[in-house]
Amino acid sequence: MSENTVSKMHFMLKSTPPRATFQQDMTEEERNIMGKHIAYWTDKQKQGIALVFGPVRNPSEPHGLAIIEVENEAQVPKLIAEDPAVMAGIMTTEFHPMFAVLPNQHA
C-alpha cells in the first residue's frame, strides 16, 4: 500500500428517501433533483472520493449507499450537506466510519 492510501479514511453513507415508494413515484421535480444528486456523486467518484454508490433495492427499506474515501472525518458532513438531494430535503443521510479492505492496486 502507498502512504497515500494508508492515510485515507473510509465511511459508509446511507441515504434514506422520503418514502418507500420513491423509486416508483417520484415527481418530475424530485426526478430532476435526483439527476443532480447522481451527477454530484459521479463527480465525487471521478475525484476519487466516492469509491462506489447507488440505490439499494431493498423492498422494505430502499435507500442509497456510498462508500467514500477522504482525508479526514470533517470532510464528510460537508460532502453530505452539498448533495443536491439533501439540500432539497429529499434525502436524509447518515454516515459511519468503516475499516475498508481494498484490493491491492500495486500488485
PDB file of N, CA and C in Angstrom:
ATOM      1  N   MET A   1       0.831  -1.191   0.000  1.00  0.00           N
ATOM      2  CA  MET A   1       0.000   0.000   0.000  1.00  0.00           C
ATOM      3  C   MET A   1       0.869   1.245   0.000  1.00  0.00           C
ATOM      4  N   SER A   2       0.431   2.259  -0.712  1.00  0.00           N
ATOM      5  CA  SER A   2       1.171   3.513  -0.722  1.00  0.00           C
ATOM      6  C   SER A   2       0.838   4.293   0.540  1.00  0.00           C
ATOM      7  N   GLU A   3       1.690   5.248   0.894  1.00  0.00           N
ATOM      8  CA  GLU A   3       1.428   6.085   2.063  1.00  0.00           C
ATOM      9  C   GLU A   3       0.111   6.812   1.901  1.00  0.00           C
ATOM     10  N   ASN A   4      -0.191   7.241   0.685  1.00  0.00           N
ATOM     11  CA  ASN A   4      -1.418   7.976   0.415  1.00  0.00           C
ATOM     12  C   ASN A   4      -2.648   7.153   0.785  1.00  0.00           C
ATOM     13  N   THR A   5      -2.662   5.877   0.428  1.00  0.00           N
ATOM     14  CA  THR A   5      -3.795   5.011   0.717  1.00  0.00           C
ATOM     15  C   THR A   5      -3.940   4.795   2.222  1.00  0.00           C
ATOM     16  N   VAL A   6      -2.822   4.626   2.925  1.00  0.00           N
ATOM     17  CA  VAL A   6      -2.855   4.360   4.354  1.00  0.00           C
ATOM     18  C   VAL A   6      -3.467   5.534   5.110  1.00  0.00           C
ATOM     19  N   SER A   7      -3.224   6.756   4.665  1.00  0.00           N
ATOM     20  CA  SER A   7      -3.696   7.930   5.394  1.00  0.00           C
ATOM     21  C   SER A   7      -5.173   8.242   5.143  1.00  0.00           C
ATOM     22  N   LYS A   8      -5.797   7.571   4.209  1.00  0.00           N
ATOM     23  CA  LYS A   8      -7.199   7.844   3.887  1.00  0.00           C
ATOM     24  C   LYS A   8      -8.133   7.162   4.883  1.00  0.00           C
ATOM     25  N   MET A   9      -9.277   7.791   5.079  1.00  0.00           N
ATOM     26  CA  MET A   9     -10.313   7.232   5.943  1.00  0.00           C
ATOM     27  C   MET A   9     -11.508   6.872   5.068  1.00  0.00           C
ATOM     28  N   HIS A  10     -12.262   5.865   5.472  1.00  0.00           N
ATOM     29  CA  HIS A  10     -13.416   5.411   4.707  1.00  0.00           C
ATOM     30  C   HIS A  10     -14.683   5.523   5.552  1.00  0.00           C
ATOM     31  N   PHE A  11     -15.767   5.864   4.867  1.00  0.00           N
ATOM     32  CA  PHE A  11     -17.058   5.998   5.532  1.00  0.00           C
ATOM     33  C   PHE A  11     -18.147   5.386   4.668  1.00  0.00           C
ATOM     34  N   MET A  12     -19.159   4.840   5.351  1.00  0.00           N
ATOM     35  CA  MET A  12     -20.352   4.339   4.686  1.00  0.00           C
ATOM     36  C   MET A  12     -21.413   5.417   4.862  1.00  0.00           C
ATOM     37  N   LEU A  13     -22.027   5.816   3.748  1.00  0.00           N
ATOM     38  CA  LEU A  13     -23.121   6.778   3.777  1.00  0.00           C
ATOM     39  C   LEU A  13     -24.400   6.044   3.416  1.00  0.00           C
ATOM     40  N   LYS A  14     -25.438   6.279   4.182  1.00  0.00           N
ATOM     41  CA  LYS A  14     -26.746   5.689   3.894  1.00  0.00           C
ATOM     42  C   LYS A  14     -27.736   6.831   3.741  1.00  0.00           C
ATOM     43  N   SER A  15     -28.329   6.928   2.548  1.00  0.00           N
ATOM     44  CA  SER A  15     -29.296   7.981   2.259  1.00  0.00           C
ATOM     45  C   SER A  15     -30.696   7.388   2.203  1.00  0.00           C
ATOM     46  N   THR A  16     -31.585   7.986   2.970  1.00  0.00           N
ATOM     47  CA  THR A  16     -32.956   7.491   3.059  1.00  0.00           C
ATOM     48  C   THR A  16     -33.893   8.432   2.309  1.00  0.00           C
ATOM     49  N   PRO A  17     -34.703   7.882   1.386  1.00  0.00           N
ATOM     50  CA  PRO A  17     -35.650   8.705   0.640  1.00  0.00           C
ATOM     51  C   PRO A  17     -36.862   9.070   1.508  1.00  0.00           C
ATOM     52  N   PRO A  18     -37.707   9.978   1.016  1.00  0.00           N
ATOM     53  CA  PRO A  18     -38.846  10.427   1.815  1.00  0.00           C
ATOM     54  C   PRO A  18     -39.941   9.380   1.998  1.00  0.00           C
ATOM     55  N   ARG A  19     -39.942   8.353   1.123  1.00  0.00           N
ATOM     56  CA  ARG A  19     -40.980   7.312   1.214  1.00  0.00           C
ATOM     57  C   ARG A  19     -40.463   6.032   0.546  1.00  0.00           C
ATOM     58  N   ALA A  20     -41.003   4.901   0.955  1.00  0.00           N
ATOM     59  CA  ALA A  20     -40.544   3.606   0.442  1.00  0.00           C
ATOM     60  C   ALA A  20     -40.808   3.455  -1.053  1.00  0.00           C
ATOM     61  N   THR A  21     -41.808   4.139  -1.574  1.00  0.00           N
ATOM     62  CA  THR A  21     -42.183   4.019  -2.986  1.00  0.00           C
ATOM     63  C   THR A  21     -41.483   5.071  -3.870  1.00  0.00           C
ATOM     64  N   PHE A  22     -40.509   5.767  -3.325  1.00  0.00           N
ATOM     65  CA  PHE A  22     -39.868   6.896  -4.003  1.00  0.00           C
ATOM     66  C   PHE A  22     -39.358   6.554  -5.404  1.00  0.00           C
ATOM     67  N   GLN A  23     -38.702   5.399  -5.560  1.00  0.00           N
ATOM     68  CA  GLN A  23     -38.169   4.995  -6.872  1.00  0.00           C
ATOM     69  C   GLN A  23     -39.279   4.900  -7.923  1.00  0.00           C
ATOM     70  N   GLN A  24     -40.461   4.489  -7.510  1.00  0.00           N
ATOM     71  CA  GLN A  24     -41.559   4.271  -8.447  1.00  0.00           C
ATOM     72  C   GLN A  24     -42.413   5.519  -8.693  1.00  0.00           C
ATOM     73  N   ASP A  25     -42.503   6.414  -7.719  1.00  0.00           N
ATOM     74  CA  ASP A  25     -43.472   7.508  -7.848  1.00  0.00           C
ATOM     75  C   ASP A  25     -42.875   8.910  -7.674  1.00  0.00           C
ATOM     76  N   MET A  26     -41.615   9.085  -8.069  1.00  0.00           N
ATOM     77  CA  MET A  26     -41.004  10.411  -7.998  1.00  0.00           C
ATOM     78  C   MET A  26     -41.779  11.406  -8.850  1.00  0.00           C
ATOM     79  N   THR A  27     -41.895  12.621  -8.332  1.00  0.00           N
ATOM     80  CA  THR A  27     -42.468  13.692  -9.146  1.00  0.00           C
ATOM     81  C   THR A  27     -41.397  14.145 -10.143  1.00  0.00           C
ATOM     82  N   GLU A  28     -41.790  14.952 -11.119  1.00  0.00           N
ATOM     83  CA  GLU A  28     -40.816  15.453 -12.088  1.00  0.00           C
ATOM     84  C   GLU A  28     -39.737  16.287 -11.389  1.00  0.00           C
ATOM     85  N   GLU A  29     -40.129  17.083 -10.423  1.00  0.00           N
ATOM     86  CA  GLU A  29     -39.163  17.900  -9.668  1.00  0.00           C
ATOM     87  C   GLU A  29     -38.185  17.008  -8.893  1.00  0.00           C
ATOM     88  N   GLU A  30     -38.724  15.974  -8.232  1.00  0.00           N
ATOM     89  CA  GLU A  30     -37.865  15.043  -7.488  1.00  0.00           C
ATOM     90  C   GLU A  30     -36.902  14.327  -8.438  1.00  0.00           C
ATOM     91  N   ARG A  31     -37.398  13.947  -9.616  1.00  0.00           N
ATOM     92  CA  ARG A  31     -36.556  13.261 -10.606  1.00  0.00           C
ATOM     93  C   ARG A  31     -35.405  14.176 -11.059  1.00  0.00           C
ATOM     94  N   ASN A  32     -35.701  15.456 -11.265  1.00  0.00           N
ATOM     95  CA  ASN A  32     -34.662  16.420 -11.648  1.00  0.00           C
ATOM     96  C   ASN A  32     -33.618  16.572 -10.554  1.00  0.00           C
ATOM     97  N   ILE A  33     -34.071  16.639  -9.318  1.00  0.00           N
ATOM     98  CA  ILE A  33     -33.140  16.756  -8.188  1.00  0.00           C
ATOM     99  C   ILE A  33     -32.299  15.485  -8.071  1.00  0.00           C
ATOM    100  N   MET A  34     -32.919  14.333  -8.268  1.00  0.00           N
ATOM    101  CA  MET A  34     -32.162  13.077  -8.192  1.00  0.00           C
ATOM    102  C   MET A  34     -31.138  12.986  -9.322  1.00  0.00           C
ATOM    103  N   GLY A  35     -31.442  13.559 -10.486  1.00  0.00           N
ATOM    104  CA  GLY A  35     -30.454  13.632 -11.564  1.00  0.00           C
ATOM    105  C   GLY A  35     -29.239  14.441 -11.123  1.00  0.00           C
ATOM    106  N   LYS A  36     -29.485  15.537 -10.414  1.00  0.00           N
ATOM    107  CA  LYS A  36     -28.383  16.368  -9.891  1.00  0.00           C
ATOM    108  C   LYS A  36     -27.622  15.615  -8.811  1.00  0.00           C
ATOM    109  N   HIS A  37     -28.336  14.852  -8.001  1.00  0.00           N
ATOM    110  CA  HIS A  37     -27.744  14.016  -6.946  1.00  0.00           C
ATOM    111  C   HIS A  37     -26.777  12.999  -7.569  1.00  0.00           C
ATOM    112  N   ILE A  38     -27.220  12.335  -8.633  1.00  0.00           N
ATOM    113  CA  ILE A  38     -26.372  11.342  -9.313  1.00  0.00           C
ATOM    114  C   ILE A  38     -25.160  12.023  -9.945  1.00  0.00           C
ATOM    115  N   ALA A  39     -25.376  13.177 -10.566  1.00  0.00           N
ATOM    116  CA  ALA A  39     -24.261  13.915 -11.169  1.00  0.00           C
ATOM    117  C   ALA A  39     -23.250  14.344 -10.107  1.00  0.00           C
ATOM    118  N   TYR A  40     -23.737  14.762  -8.949  1.00  0.00           N
ATOM    119  CA  TYR A  40     -22.876  15.181  -7.837  1.00  0.00           C
ATOM    120  C   TYR A  40     -21.970  14.036  -7.397  1.00  0.00           C
ATOM    121  N   TRP A  41     -22.561  12.856  -7.169  1.00  0.00           N
ATOM    122  CA  TRP A  41     -21.772  11.716  -6.702  1.00  0.00           C
ATOM    123  C   TRP A  41     -20.905  11.129  -7.816  1.00  0.00           C
ATOM    124  N   THR A  42     -21.332  11.251  -9.066  1.00  0.00           N
ATOM    125  CA  THR A  42     -20.487  10.831 -10.188  1.00  0.00           C
ATOM    126  C   THR A  42     -19.236  11.695 -10.234  1.00  0.00           C
ATOM    127  N   ASP A  43     -19.397  12.992 -10.010  1.00  0.00           N
ATOM    128  CA  ASP A  43     -18.250  13.896  -9.955  1.00  0.00           C
ATOM    129  C   ASP A  43     -17.324  13.522  -8.800  1.00  0.00           C
ATOM    130  N   LYS A  44     -17.896  13.199  -7.644  1.00  0.00           N
ATOM    131  CA  LYS A  44     -17.084  12.786  -6.485  1.00  0.00           C
ATOM    132  C   LYS A  44     -16.365  11.468  -6.788  1.00  0.00           C
ATOM    133  N   GLN A  45     -16.988  10.611  -7.586  1.00  0.00           N
ATOM    134  CA  GLN A  45     -16.338   9.360  -7.978  1.00  0.00           C
ATOM    135  C   GLN A  45     -15.140   9.651  -8.880  1.00  0.00           C
ATOM    136  N   LYS A  46     -15.300  10.574  -9.820  1.00  0.00           N
ATOM    137  CA  LYS A  46     -14.197  10.954 -10.711  1.00  0.00           C
ATOM    138  C   LYS A  46     -13.049  11.574  -9.934  1.00  0.00           C
ATOM    139  N   GLN A  47     -13.354  12.216  -8.805  1.00  0.00           N
ATOM    140  CA  GLN A  47     -12.326  12.821  -7.950  1.00  0.00           C
ATOM    141  C   GLN A  47     -11.671  11.788  -7.025  1.00  0.00           C
ATOM    142  N   GLY A  48     -12.164  10.554  -7.035  1.00  0.00           N
ATOM    143  CA  GLY A  48     -11.605   9.513  -6.183  1.00  0.00           C
ATOM    144  C   GLY A  48     -12.164   9.508  -4.773  1.00  0.00           C
ATOM    145  N   ILE A  49     -13.230  10.260  -4.533  1.00  0.00           N
ATOM    146  CA  ILE A  49     -13.832  10.330  -3.198  1.00  0.00           C
ATOM    147  C   ILE A  49     -14.867   9.220  -3.019  1.00  0.00           C
ATOM    148  N   ALA A  50     -15.803   9.107  -3.945  1.00  0.00           N
ATOM    149  CA  ALA A  50     -16.829   8.064  -3.877  1.00  0.00           C
ATOM    150  C   ALA A  50     -16.283   6.819  -4.570  1.00  0.00           C
ATOM    151  N   LEU A  51     -16.017   5.780  -3.806  1.00  0.00           N
ATOM    152  CA  LEU A  51     -15.494   4.544  -4.385  1.00  0.00           C
ATOM    153  C   LEU A  51     -16.592   3.776  -5.092  1.00  0.00           C
ATOM    154  N   VAL A  52     -17.791   3.799  -4.509  1.00  0.00           N
ATOM    155  CA  VAL A  52     -18.964   3.141  -5.081  1.00  0.00           C
ATOM    156  C   VAL A  52     -20.193   3.833  -4.497  1.00  0.00           C
ATOM    157  N   PHE A  53     -21.256   3.937  -5.298  1.00  0.00           N
ATOM    158  CA  PHE A  53     -22.508   4.488  -4.786  1.00  0.00           C
ATOM    159  C   PHE A  53     -23.666   3.995  -5.645  1.00  0.00           C
ATOM    160  N   GLY A  54     -24.857   4.010  -5.079  1.00  0.00           N
ATOM    161  CA  GLY A  54     -26.036   3.635  -5.847  1.00  0.00           C
ATOM    162  C   GLY A  54     -27.190   3.240  -4.953  1.00  0.00           C
ATOM    163  N   PRO A  55     -28.339   3.005  -5.587  1.00  0.00           N
ATOM    164  CA  PRO A  55     -29.520   2.604  -4.814  1.00  0.00           C
ATOM    165  C   PRO A  55     -29.440   1.142  -4.378  1.00  0.00           C
ATOM    166  N   VAL A  56     -29.951   0.888  -3.192  1.00  0.00           N
ATOM    167  CA  VAL A  56     -30.066  -0.473  -2.673  1.00  0.00           C
ATOM    168  C   VAL A  56     -31.540  -0.835  -2.780  1.00  0.00           C
ATOM    169  N   ARG A  57     -31.824  -1.850  -3.542  1.00  0.00           N
ATOM    170  CA  ARG A  57     -33.221  -2.191  -3.843  1.00  0.00           C
ATOM    171  C   ARG A  57     -33.787  -3.180  -2.817  1.00  0.00           C
ATOM    172  N   ASN A  58     -33.828  -2.722  -1.593  1.00  0.00           N
ATOM    173  CA  ASN A  58     -34.433  -3.488  -0.509  1.00  0.00           C
ATOM    174  C   ASN A  58     -35.902  -3.053  -0.441  1.00  0.00           C
ATOM    175  N   PRO A  59     -36.861  -3.923  -0.798  1.00  0.00           N
ATOM    176  CA  PRO A  59     -38.269  -3.515  -0.872  1.00  0.00           C
ATOM    177  C   PRO A  59     -38.813  -2.946   0.439  1.00  0.00           C
ATOM    178  N   SER A  60     -38.356  -3.458   1.559  1.00  0.00           N
ATOM    179  CA  SER A  60     -38.884  -2.983   2.840  1.00  0.00           C
ATOM    180  C   SER A  60     -38.173  -1.722   3.332  1.00  0.00           C
ATOM    181  N   GLU A  61     -36.981  -1.447   2.800  1.00  0.00           N
ATOM    182  CA  GLU A  61     -36.227  -0.268   3.242  1.00  0.00           C
ATOM    183  C   GLU A  61     -35.291   0.211   2.125  1.00  0.00           C
ATOM    184  N   PRO A  62     -35.857   0.747   1.034  1.00  0.00           N
ATOM    185  CA  PRO A  62     -34.982   1.221  -0.039  1.00  0.00           C
ATOM    186  C   PRO A  62     -34.145   2.399   0.451  1.00  0.00           C
ATOM    187  N   HIS A  63     -32.901   2.445  -0.006  1.00  0.00           N
ATOM    188  CA  HIS A  63     -32.016   3.540   0.377  1.00  0.00           C
ATOM    189  C   HIS A  63     -30.851   3.617  -0.602  1.00  0.00           C
ATOM    190  N   GLY A  64     -30.096   4.680  -0.485  1.00  0.00           N
ATOM    191  CA  GLY A  64     -28.876   4.816  -1.258  1.00  0.00           C
ATOM    192  C   GLY A  64     -27.693   4.487  -0.372  1.00  0.00           C
ATOM    193  N   LEU A  65     -26.628   3.980  -0.972  1.00  0.00           N
ATOM    194  CA  LEU A  65     -25.433   3.614  -0.232  1.00  0.00           C
ATOM    195  C   LEU A  65     -24.220   4.150  -0.969  1.00  0.00           C
ATOM    196  N   ALA A  66     -23.267   4.673  -0.225  1.00  0.00           N
ATOM    197  CA  ALA A  66     -21.997   5.097  -0.814  1.00  0.00           C
ATOM    198  C   ALA A  66     -20.877   4.711   0.131  1.00  0.00           C
ATOM    199  N   ILE A  67     -19.767   4.335  -0.438  1.00  0.00           N
ATOM    200  CA  ILE A  67     -18.528   4.141   0.314  1.00  0.00           C
ATOM    201  C   ILE A  67     -17.591   5.237  -0.185  1.00  0.00           C
ATOM    202  N   ILE A  68     -17.147   6.071   0.738  1.00  0.00           N
ATOM    203  CA  ILE A  68     -16.291   7.191   0.353  1.00  0.00           C
ATOM    204  C   ILE A  68     -14.926   7.098   1.021  1.00  0.00           C
ATOM    205  N   GLU A  69     -13.967   7.748   0.395  1.00  0.00           N
ATOM    206  CA  GLU A  69     -12.587   7.781   0.887  1.00  0.00           C
ATOM    207  C   GLU A  69     -12.184   9.251   0.996  1.00  0.00           C
ATOM    208  N   VAL A  70     -11.831   9.677   2.216  1.00  0.00           N
ATOM    209  CA  VAL A  70     -11.490  11.074   2.471  1.00  0.00           C
ATOM    210  C   VAL A  70     -10.231  11.176   3.324  1.00  0.00           C
ATOM    211  N   GLU A  71      -9.707  12.393   3.409  1.00  0.00           N
ATOM    212  CA  GLU A  71      -8.513  12.648   4.232  1.00  0.00           C
ATOM    213  C   GLU A  71      -8.857  12.651   5.720  1.00  0.00           C
ATOM    214  N   ASN A  72     -10.040  13.195   6.068  1.00  0.00           N
ATOM    215  CA  ASN A  72     -10.434  13.268   7.479  1.00  0.00           C
ATOM    216  C   ASN A  72     -11.947  13.334   7.612  1.00  0.00           C
ATOM    217  N   GLU A  73     -12.430  13.013   8.798  1.00  0.00           N
ATOM    218  CA  GLU A  73     -13.871  12.918   9.045  1.00  0.00           C
ATOM    219  C   GLU A  73     -14.585  14.250   8.851  1.00  0.00           C
ATOM    220  N   ALA A  74     -13.896  15.362   9.052  1.00  0.00           N
ATOM    221  CA  ALA A  74     -14.516  16.684   8.910  1.00  0.00           C
ATOM    222  C   ALA A  74     -15.041  16.931   7.497  1.00  0.00           C
ATOM    223  N   GLN A  75     -14.513  16.234   6.505  1.00  0.00           N
ATOM    224  CA  GLN A  75     -14.966  16.402   5.125  1.00  0.00           C
ATOM    225  C   GLN A  75     -16.357  15.801   4.901  1.00  0.00           C
ATOM    226  N   VAL A  76     -16.719  14.804   5.686  1.00  0.00           N
ATOM    227  CA  VAL A  76     -17.935  14.032   5.418  1.00  0.00           C
ATOM    228  C   VAL A  76     -19.210  14.866   5.552  1.00  0.00           C
ATOM    229  N   PRO A  77     -19.425  15.597   6.659  1.00  0.00           N
ATOM    230  CA  PRO A  77     -20.657  16.398   6.753  1.00  0.00           C
ATOM    231  C   PRO A  77     -20.781  17.424   5.626  1.00  0.00           C
ATOM    232  N   LYS A  78     -19.671  17.976   5.178  1.00  0.00           N
ATOM    233  CA  LYS A  78     -19.698  18.946   4.080  1.00  0.00           C
ATOM    234  C   LYS A  78     -20.114  18.263   2.772  1.00  0.00           C
ATOM    235  N   LEU A  79     -19.564  17.087   2.493  1.00  0.00           N
ATOM    236  CA  LEU A  79     -19.961  16.340   1.298  1.00  0.00           C
ATOM    237  C   LEU A  79     -21.456  16.042   1.309  1.00  0.00           C
ATOM    238  N   ILE A  80     -21.965  15.656   2.462  1.00  0.00           N
ATOM    239  CA  ILE A  80     -23.393  15.343   2.590  1.00  0.00           C
ATOM    240  C   ILE A  80     -24.223  16.618   2.427  1.00  0.00           C
ATOM    241  N   ALA A  81     -23.822  17.696   3.085  1.00  0.00           N
ATOM    242  CA  ALA A  81     -24.592  18.946   3.046  1.00  0.00           C
ATOM    243  C   ALA A  81     -24.682  19.528   1.638  1.00  0.00           C
ATOM    244  N   GLU A  82     -23.677  19.249   0.800  1.00  0.00           N
ATOM    245  CA  GLU A  82     -23.653  19.791  -0.563  1.00  0.00           C
ATOM    246  C   GLU A  82     -24.333  18.877  -1.584  1.00  0.00           C
ATOM    247  N   ASP A  83     -24.834  17.746  -1.142  1.00  0.00           N
ATOM    248  CA  ASP A  83     -25.574  16.825  -2.017  1.00  0.00           C
ATOM    249  C   ASP A  83     -26.908  17.490  -2.374  1.00  0.00           C
ATOM    250  N   PRO A  84     -27.204  17.662  -3.665  1.00  0.00           N
ATOM    251  CA  PRO A  84     -28.452  18.322  -4.065  1.00  0.00           C
ATOM    252  C   PRO A  84     -29.718  17.692  -3.474  1.00  0.00           C
ATOM    253  N   ALA A  85     -29.744  16.381  -3.301  1.00  0.00           N
ATOM    254  CA  ALA A  85     -30.927  15.716  -2.738  1.00  0.00           C
ATOM    255  C   ALA A  85     -31.081  16.031  -1.255  1.00  0.00           C
ATOM    256  N   VAL A  86     -29.974  16.190  -0.562  1.00  0.00           N
ATOM    257  CA  VAL A  86     -30.011  16.570   0.859  1.00  0.00           C
ATOM    258  C   VAL A  86     -30.406  18.044   0.964  1.00  0.00           C
ATOM    259  N   MET A  87     -29.811  18.887   0.129  1.00  0.00           N
ATOM    260  CA  MET A  87     -30.128  20.314   0.142  1.00  0.00           C
ATOM    261  C   MET A  87     -31.615  20.550  -0.129  1.00  0.00           C
ATOM    262  N   ALA A  88     -32.213  19.742  -0.995  1.00  0.00           N
ATOM    263  CA  ALA A  88     -33.626  19.889  -1.349  1.00  0.00           C
ATOM    264  C   ALA A  88     -34.560  19.248  -0.314  1.00  0.00           C
ATOM    265  N   GLY A  89     -33.998  18.544   0.659  1.00  0.00           N
ATOM    266  CA  GLY A  89     -34.817  17.897   1.677  1.00  0.00           C
ATOM    267  C   GLY A  89     -35.430  16.580   1.239  1.00  0.00           C
ATOM    268  N   ILE A  90     -34.952  16.031   0.128  1.00  0.00           N
ATOM    269  CA  ILE A  90     -35.478  14.753  -0.369  1.00  0.00           C
ATOM    270  C   ILE A  90     -34.831  13.573   0.355  1.00  0.00           C
ATOM    271  N   MET A  91     -33.539  13.663   0.587  1.00  0.00           N
ATOM    272  CA  MET A  91     -32.812  12.577   1.241  1.00  0.00           C
ATOM    273  C   MET A  91     -32.275  13.036   2.589  1.00  0.00           C
ATOM    274  N   THR A  92     -32.263  12.115   3.538  1.00  0.00           N
ATOM    275  CA  THR A  92     -31.511  12.320   4.766  1.00  0.00           C
ATOM    276  C   THR A  92     -30.377  11.311   4.730  1.00  0.00           C
ATOM    277  N   THR A  93     -29.194  11.745   5.127  1.00  0.00           N
ATOM    278  CA  THR A  93     -28.020  10.878   5.009  1.00  0.00           C
ATOM    279  C   THR A  93     -27.296  10.781   6.339  1.00  0.00           C
ATOM    280  N   GLU A  94     -27.028   9.556   6.737  1.00  0.00           N
ATOM    281  CA  GLU A  94     -26.219   9.288   7.924  1.00  0.00           C
ATOM    282  C   GLU A  94     -24.898   8.688   7.456  1.00  0.00           C
ATOM    283  N   PHE A  95     -23.875   8.783   8.294  1.00  0.00           N
ATOM    284  CA  PHE A  95     -22.593   8.195   7.923  1.00  0.00           C
ATOM    285  C   PHE A  95     -21.938   7.548   9.133  1.00  0.00           C
ATOM    286  N   HIS A  96     -21.126   6.547   8.831  1.00  0.00           N
ATOM    287  CA  HIS A  96     -20.414   5.810   9.872  1.00  0.00           C
ATOM    288  C   HIS A  96     -19.021   5.476   9.364  1.00  0.00           C
ATOM    289  N   PRO A  97     -18.018   5.514  10.254  1.00  0.00           N
ATOM    290  CA  PRO A  97     -16.672   5.120   9.833  1.00  0.00           C
ATOM    291  C   PRO A  97     -16.653   3.648   9.442  1.00  0.00           C
ATOM    292  N   MET A  98     -15.745   3.337   8.549  1.00  0.00           N
ATOM    293  CA  MET A  98     -15.644   1.969   8.042  1.00  0.00           C
ATOM    294  C   MET A  98     -14.168   1.594   7.920  1.00  0.00           C
ATOM    295  N   PHE A  99     -13.838   0.386   8.292  1.00  0.00           N
ATOM    296  CA  PHE A  99     -12.493  -0.140   8.058  1.00  0.00           C
ATOM    297  C   PHE A  99     -12.541  -0.880   6.737  1.00  0.00           C
ATOM    298  N   ALA A 100     -12.281  -0.169   5.661  1.00  0.00           N
ATOM    299  CA  ALA A 100     -12.418  -0.730   4.319  1.00  0.00           C
ATOM    300  C   ALA A 100     -11.223  -1.608   3.964  1.00  0.00           C
ATOM    301  N   VAL A 101     -11.501  -2.741   3.384  1.00  0.00           N
ATOM    302  CA  VAL A 101     -10.476  -3.625   2.850  1.00  0.00           C
ATOM    303  C   VAL A 101     -10.524  -3.438   1.323  1.00  0.00           C
ATOM    304  N   LEU A 102      -9.465  -2.867   0.794  1.00  0.00           N
ATOM    305  CA  LEU A 102      -9.412  -2.540  -0.631  1.00  0.00           C
ATOM    306  C   LEU A 102      -8.478  -3.499  -1.355  1.00  0.00           C
ATOM    307  N   PRO A 103      -8.740  -3.724  -2.643  1.00  0.00           N
ATOM    308  CA  PRO A 103      -7.819  -4.564  -3.400  1.00  0.00           C
ATOM    309  C   PRO A 103      -6.457  -3.883  -3.493  1.00  0.00           C
ATOM    310  N   ASN A 104      -5.427  -4.685  -3.546  1.00  0.00           N
ATOM    311  CA  ASN A 104      -4.078  -4.140  -3.668  1.00  0.00           C
ATOM    312  C   ASN A 104      -3.911  -3.631  -5.104  1.00  0.00           C
ATOM    313  N   GLN A 105      -3.843  -2.313  -5.243  1.00  0.00           N
ATOM    314  CA  GLN A 105      -3.775  -1.709  -6.568  1.00  0.00           C
ATOM    315  C   GLN A 105      -2.347  -1.660  -7.106  1.00  0.00           C
ATOM    316  N   HIS A 106      -1.377  -2.101  -6.322  1.00  0.00           N
ATOM    317  CA  HIS A 106       0.024  -2.015  -6.740  1.00  0.00           C
ATOM    318  C   HIS A 106       0.634  -3.386  -6.929  1.00  0.00           C
ATOM    319  N   ALA A 107      -0.204  -4.373  -7.193  1.00  0.00           N
ATOM    320  CA  ALA A 107       0.299  -5.748  -7.324  1.00  0.00           C
ATOM    321  C   ALA A 107       1.027  -5.928  -8.630  1.00  0.00           C
TER     322      ALA A 107
END
